[in-house]
């Protein structure tokens, strides 16, 4: 059910369930519940986001850029922390 919220997760989970022979009724039940939860989440996010920023178009832009910037800074801080601990995250060669 969590895979529905992850990019490409739904596709990979579906392929894995079929490959591993998951019973279709069990898969259908779990997928239907996950789809209902995801649809409710996405609808409420759109509705509440639209209602919150109805009179201002620049606020969501500033908010989204701020969140993206914070994620970038947190990622870099984590990388530097791991480097100080002797675990270089980007040391592997690209093939």
N, C-alpha and C. Protein backbone atom coordinates (compact mmCIF):
# COMPACT_ATOMS: atom_id res chain seq x y z
N UNK A 1 0.82 -1.19 0.00
CA UNK A 1 0.00 0.00 0.00
C UNK A 1 0.87 1.26 0.00
N UNK A 2 2.00 1.21 0.64
CA UNK A 2 2.89 2.37 0.70
C UNK A 2 3.48 2.68 -0.67
N UNK A 3 3.64 1.67 -1.50
CA UNK A 3 4.26 1.86 -2.80
C UNK A 3 3.48 2.83 -3.69
N UNK A 4 2.20 2.97 -3.47
CA UNK A 4 1.39 3.88 -4.29
C UNK A 4 1.84 5.33 -4.11
N UNK A 5 2.45 5.66 -2.98
CA UNK A 5 2.88 7.02 -2.70
C UNK A 5 4.31 7.28 -3.18
N UNK A 6 5.01 6.27 -3.65
CA UNK A 6 6.39 6.42 -4.10
C UNK A 6 6.45 6.50 -5.62
N UNK A 7 7.32 7.35 -6.15
CA UNK A 7 7.47 7.40 -7.61
C UNK A 7 7.89 6.03 -8.13
N UNK A 8 7.23 5.55 -9.13
CA UNK A 8 7.47 4.25 -9.80
C UNK A 8 7.16 3.07 -8.88
N UNK A 9 6.80 3.32 -7.63
CA UNK A 9 6.53 2.25 -6.68
C UNK A 9 5.37 1.38 -7.07
N UNK A 10 4.31 2.00 -7.57
CA UNK A 10 3.11 1.24 -7.95
C UNK A 10 3.44 0.26 -9.07
N UNK A 11 4.20 0.71 -10.05
CA UNK A 11 4.54 -0.16 -11.18
C UNK A 11 5.42 -1.32 -10.74
N UNK A 12 6.46 -1.01 -9.96
CA UNK A 12 7.37 -2.08 -9.51
C UNK A 12 6.67 -3.06 -8.58
N UNK A 13 5.78 -2.58 -7.74
CA UNK A 13 5.06 -3.46 -6.84
C UNK A 13 4.13 -4.39 -7.62
N UNK A 14 3.48 -3.84 -8.62
CA UNK A 14 2.59 -4.65 -9.46
C UNK A 14 3.38 -5.75 -10.16
N UNK A 15 4.52 -5.39 -10.74
CA UNK A 15 5.36 -6.39 -11.42
C UNK A 15 5.87 -7.44 -10.42
N UNK A 16 6.28 -6.99 -9.25
CA UNK A 16 6.77 -7.93 -8.23
C UNK A 16 5.68 -8.88 -7.77
N UNK A 17 4.49 -8.34 -7.55
CA UNK A 17 3.37 -9.19 -7.10
C UNK A 17 3.05 -10.26 -8.14
N UNK A 18 3.06 -9.88 -9.40
CA UNK A 18 2.80 -10.87 -10.45
C UNK A 18 3.91 -11.89 -10.58
N UNK A 19 5.14 -11.43 -10.52
CA UNK A 19 6.29 -12.33 -10.65
C UNK A 19 6.36 -13.33 -9.50
N UNK A 20 6.04 -12.87 -8.31
CA UNK A 20 6.11 -13.74 -7.14
C UNK A 20 4.86 -14.57 -6.90
N UNK A 21 3.86 -14.39 -7.77
CA UNK A 21 2.66 -15.21 -7.70
C UNK A 21 1.71 -14.84 -6.57
N UNK A 22 1.62 -13.57 -6.25
CA UNK A 22 0.68 -13.14 -5.21
C UNK A 22 -0.74 -13.43 -5.67
N UNK A 23 -1.59 -13.97 -4.81
CA UNK A 23 -2.97 -14.23 -5.19
C UNK A 23 -3.67 -12.93 -5.64
N UNK A 24 -4.38 -12.99 -6.77
CA UNK A 24 -4.93 -11.77 -7.35
C UNK A 24 -5.97 -11.12 -6.45
N UNK A 25 -6.72 -11.90 -5.70
CA UNK A 25 -7.74 -11.31 -4.81
C UNK A 25 -7.09 -10.50 -3.68
N UNK A 26 -6.01 -11.03 -3.15
CA UNK A 26 -5.29 -10.30 -2.10
C UNK A 26 -4.69 -9.01 -2.68
N UNK A 27 -4.10 -9.12 -3.87
CA UNK A 27 -3.53 -7.93 -4.51
C UNK A 27 -4.62 -6.90 -4.82
N UNK A 28 -5.72 -7.36 -5.36
CA UNK A 28 -6.82 -6.45 -5.71
C UNK A 28 -7.34 -5.72 -4.48
N UNK A 29 -7.51 -6.43 -3.38
CA UNK A 29 -8.01 -5.81 -2.15
C UNK A 29 -7.04 -4.75 -1.64
N UNK A 30 -5.76 -5.11 -1.56
CA UNK A 30 -4.75 -4.15 -1.08
C UNK A 30 -4.64 -2.96 -2.03
N UNK A 31 -4.69 -3.23 -3.34
CA UNK A 31 -4.57 -2.14 -4.31
C UNK A 31 -5.79 -1.22 -4.27
N UNK A 32 -6.97 -1.78 -4.08
CA UNK A 32 -8.18 -0.95 -4.00
C UNK A 32 -8.15 -0.04 -2.77
N UNK A 33 -7.71 -0.59 -1.64
CA UNK A 33 -7.60 0.23 -0.43
C UNK A 33 -6.55 1.33 -0.63
N UNK A 34 -5.41 0.95 -1.18
CA UNK A 34 -4.34 1.93 -1.41
C UNK A 34 -4.78 3.01 -2.40
N UNK A 35 -5.51 2.63 -3.43
CA UNK A 35 -5.99 3.61 -4.41
C UNK A 35 -6.97 4.59 -3.78
N UNK A 36 -7.83 4.09 -2.91
CA UNK A 36 -8.80 4.96 -2.24
C UNK A 36 -8.10 5.94 -1.29
N UNK A 37 -7.11 5.44 -0.55
CA UNK A 37 -6.36 6.31 0.36
C UNK A 37 -5.58 7.36 -0.43
N UNK A 38 -4.91 6.93 -1.51
CA UNK A 38 -4.14 7.86 -2.33
C UNK A 38 -5.03 8.91 -2.98
N UNK A 39 -6.17 8.51 -3.50
CA UNK A 39 -7.09 9.45 -4.16
C UNK A 39 -7.62 10.47 -3.14
N UNK A 40 -7.94 10.01 -1.94
CA UNK A 40 -8.40 10.92 -0.90
C UNK A 40 -7.30 11.91 -0.52
N UNK A 41 -6.10 11.41 -0.34
CA UNK A 41 -4.95 12.25 0.00
C UNK A 41 -4.70 13.30 -1.08
N UNK A 42 -4.65 12.87 -2.34
CA UNK A 42 -4.38 13.80 -3.44
C UNK A 42 -5.49 14.84 -3.58
N UNK A 43 -6.73 14.41 -3.43
CA UNK A 43 -7.86 15.34 -3.53
C UNK A 43 -7.84 16.38 -2.41
N UNK A 44 -7.61 15.92 -1.20
CA UNK A 44 -7.56 16.85 -0.06
C UNK A 44 -6.37 17.79 -0.17
N UNK A 45 -5.24 17.28 -0.65
CA UNK A 45 -4.07 18.13 -0.85
C UNK A 45 -4.38 19.24 -1.85
N UNK A 46 -5.02 18.90 -2.95
CA UNK A 46 -5.39 19.90 -3.95
C UNK A 46 -6.43 20.88 -3.43
N UNK A 47 -7.42 20.37 -2.75
CA UNK A 47 -8.49 21.23 -2.24
C UNK A 47 -7.96 22.19 -1.17
N UNK A 48 -7.26 21.64 -0.19
CA UNK A 48 -6.75 22.47 0.89
C UNK A 48 -5.66 23.43 0.41
N UNK A 49 -4.82 22.95 -0.51
CA UNK A 49 -3.80 23.83 -1.07
C UNK A 49 -4.42 24.96 -1.87
N UNK A 50 -5.44 24.65 -2.65
CA UNK A 50 -6.12 25.68 -3.42
C UNK A 50 -6.84 26.68 -2.53
N UNK A 51 -7.46 26.20 -1.48
CA UNK A 51 -8.17 27.09 -0.56
C UNK A 51 -7.20 27.97 0.22
N UNK A 52 -6.06 27.41 0.59
CA UNK A 52 -5.07 28.16 1.36
C UNK A 52 -4.45 29.28 0.54
N UNK A 53 -4.15 29.00 -0.73
CA UNK A 53 -3.44 29.96 -1.56
C UNK A 53 -4.34 30.59 -2.62
N UNK A 54 -5.61 30.64 -2.36
CA UNK A 54 -6.59 31.13 -3.34
C UNK A 54 -6.33 32.58 -3.76
N UNK A 55 -5.98 33.43 -2.83
CA UNK A 55 -5.84 34.86 -3.13
C UNK A 55 -4.41 35.30 -3.36
N UNK A 56 -3.47 34.38 -3.38
CA UNK A 56 -2.07 34.75 -3.55
C UNK A 56 -1.35 33.69 -4.36
N UNK A 57 -0.82 34.09 -5.50
CA UNK A 57 -0.13 33.13 -6.35
C UNK A 57 1.36 33.04 -6.03
N UNK A 58 1.94 34.02 -5.37
CA UNK A 58 3.37 33.97 -5.09
C UNK A 58 3.69 33.15 -3.85
N UNK A 59 2.76 33.01 -2.92
CA UNK A 59 3.02 32.25 -1.69
C UNK A 59 3.33 30.78 -1.95
N UNK A 60 2.58 30.08 -2.82
CA UNK A 60 2.94 28.67 -3.06
C UNK A 60 4.29 28.53 -3.74
N UNK A 61 4.65 29.49 -4.59
CA UNK A 61 5.95 29.46 -5.25
C UNK A 61 7.06 29.60 -4.22
N UNK A 62 6.93 30.57 -3.33
CA UNK A 62 7.93 30.78 -2.29
C UNK A 62 8.00 29.56 -1.37
N UNK A 63 6.86 29.02 -1.00
CA UNK A 63 6.83 27.84 -0.14
C UNK A 63 7.52 26.65 -0.80
N UNK A 64 7.20 26.39 -2.06
CA UNK A 64 7.80 25.23 -2.74
C UNK A 64 9.30 25.42 -2.94
N UNK A 65 9.73 26.63 -3.27
CA UNK A 65 11.17 26.87 -3.40
C UNK A 65 11.87 26.74 -2.06
N UNK A 66 11.22 27.19 -1.00
CA UNK A 66 11.80 27.05 0.34
C UNK A 66 11.94 25.59 0.75
N UNK A 67 10.92 24.79 0.47
CA UNK A 67 10.98 23.36 0.79
C UNK A 67 12.07 22.67 -0.03
N UNK A 68 12.15 22.99 -1.31
CA UNK A 68 13.19 22.40 -2.16
C UNK A 68 14.58 22.79 -1.68
N UNK A 69 14.75 24.06 -1.31
CA UNK A 69 16.04 24.51 -0.79
C UNK A 69 16.42 23.81 0.50
N UNK A 70 15.45 23.66 1.40
CA UNK A 70 15.71 22.97 2.66
C UNK A 70 16.07 21.50 2.45
N UNK A 71 15.40 20.84 1.52
CA UNK A 71 15.74 19.45 1.22
C UNK A 71 17.15 19.34 0.67
N UNK A 72 17.53 20.27 -0.19
CA UNK A 72 18.89 20.29 -0.71
C UNK A 72 19.92 20.50 0.38
N UNK A 73 19.65 21.46 1.28
CA UNK A 73 20.58 21.72 2.38
C UNK A 73 20.67 20.54 3.34
N UNK A 74 19.55 19.92 3.65
CA UNK A 74 19.56 18.74 4.53
C UNK A 74 20.33 17.58 3.91
N UNK A 75 20.17 17.39 2.61
CA UNK A 75 20.89 16.33 1.92
C UNK A 75 22.39 16.58 1.96
N UNK A 76 22.80 17.81 1.71
CA UNK A 76 24.21 18.16 1.75
C UNK A 76 24.77 18.03 3.16
N UNK A 77 24.02 18.45 4.16
CA UNK A 77 24.46 18.31 5.55
C UNK A 77 24.64 16.84 5.91
N UNK A 78 23.72 15.99 5.47
CA UNK A 78 23.84 14.55 5.73
C UNK A 78 25.07 13.98 5.04
N UNK A 79 25.32 14.39 3.81
CA UNK A 79 26.49 13.91 3.07
C UNK A 79 27.78 14.30 3.78
N UNK A 80 27.87 15.55 4.23
CA UNK A 80 29.07 16.02 4.93
C UNK A 80 29.24 15.31 6.28
N UNK A 81 28.14 15.06 6.97
CA UNK A 81 28.19 14.33 8.24
C UNK A 81 28.73 12.92 8.02
N UNK A 82 28.25 12.26 6.99
CA UNK A 82 28.73 10.91 6.69
C UNK A 82 30.20 10.93 6.26
N UNK A 83 30.61 11.96 5.55
CA UNK A 83 32.00 12.07 5.12
C UNK A 83 32.92 12.20 6.33
N UNK A 84 32.49 12.99 7.33
CA UNK A 84 33.29 13.14 8.55
C UNK A 84 33.39 11.83 9.32
N UNK A 85 32.39 11.00 9.19
CA UNK A 85 32.40 9.68 9.86
C UNK A 85 33.20 8.64 9.08
N UNK A 86 33.75 9.06 7.93
CA UNK A 86 34.54 8.14 7.12
C UNK A 86 33.75 7.37 6.09
N UNK A 87 32.52 7.77 5.87
CA UNK A 87 31.67 7.10 4.86
C UNK A 87 31.40 8.06 3.72
N UNK A 88 32.21 8.00 2.70
CA UNK A 88 32.04 8.88 1.55
C UNK A 88 30.91 8.32 0.68
N UNK A 89 29.79 9.01 0.63
CA UNK A 89 28.61 8.52 -0.09
C UNK A 89 28.79 8.56 -1.60
N UNK A 90 29.60 9.49 -2.10
CA UNK A 90 29.75 9.66 -3.54
C UNK A 90 31.10 9.14 -4.03
N UNK A 91 31.77 8.28 -3.27
CA UNK A 91 33.10 7.82 -3.62
C UNK A 91 33.08 6.72 -4.66
N UNK A 92 31.98 6.03 -4.83
CA UNK A 92 31.92 4.93 -5.79
C UNK A 92 32.03 5.41 -7.22
N UNK A 93 32.60 4.57 -8.06
CA UNK A 93 32.74 4.92 -9.46
C UNK A 93 31.43 4.69 -10.19
N UNK A 94 31.16 5.54 -11.17
CA UNK A 94 29.99 5.36 -12.01
C UNK A 94 30.34 4.43 -13.15
N UNK A 95 29.49 3.49 -13.42
CA UNK A 95 29.76 2.53 -14.50
C UNK A 95 28.88 2.84 -15.68
